[in-house]
Amino acid sequence: MACMSKRAIARTEDVSKTVVGEAIAQGLRNMEKFLKKYL
């Protein structure tokens, strides 16, 4: 049971990192578009 929860936690952390990374990348792309439009 401990092994299962460790694996599940690791998987959840991986997903979180991916989601956060995607959000950051999206934010940077949006910022770039905004800057190109207004500068």
Protein backbone atom coordinates (compact mmCIF):
# COMPACT_ATOMS: atom_id res chain seq x y z
CA MET A 1 0.00 0.00 0.00
CA ALA A 2 2.84 2.40 0.82
CA CYS A 3 4.42 1.70 -2.58
CA MET A 4 1.12 2.39 -4.34
CA SER A 5 0.64 5.75 -2.62
CA LYS A 6 4.25 6.74 -3.31
CA ARG A 7 3.76 5.95 -6.99
CA ALA A 8 0.45 7.81 -7.04
CA ILE A 9 2.03 10.83 -5.34
CA ALA A 10 4.91 10.81 -7.83
CA ARG A 11 2.45 10.65 -10.73
CA THR A 12 0.43 13.53 -9.26
CA GLU A 13 3.60 15.60 -8.86
CA ASP A 14 4.57 14.90 -12.48
CA VAL A 15 1.14 16.01 -13.67
CA SER A 16 1.33 19.14 -11.51
CA LYS A 17 4.74 20.04 -12.93
CA THR A 18 3.42 19.53 -16.46
CA VAL A 19 0.33 21.65 -15.81
CA VAL A 20 2.38 24.42 -14.19
CA GLY A 21 4.92 24.30 -17.02
CA GLU A 22 2.14 24.56 -19.60
CA ALA A 23 0.55 27.47 -17.74
CA ILE A 24 3.87 29.32 -17.59
CA ALA A 25 4.57 28.68 -21.28
CA GLN A 26 1.08 29.90 -22.18
CA GLY A 27 1.54 33.00 -20.03
CA LEU A 28 4.86 33.78 -21.71
CA ARG A 29 3.35 33.38 -25.18
CA ASN A 30 0.47 35.68 -24.26
CA MET A 31 2.88 38.25 -22.83
CA GLU A 32 4.95 38.10 -26.02
CA LYS A 33 1.85 38.71 -28.17
CA PHE A 34 0.80 41.58 -25.90
CA LEU A 35 4.24 43.21 -26.07
CA LYS A 36 4.46 42.85 -29.86
CA LYS A 37 1.03 44.42 -30.23
CA TYR A 38 1.64 47.39 -27.92
CA LEU A 39 5.35 48.17 -28.37
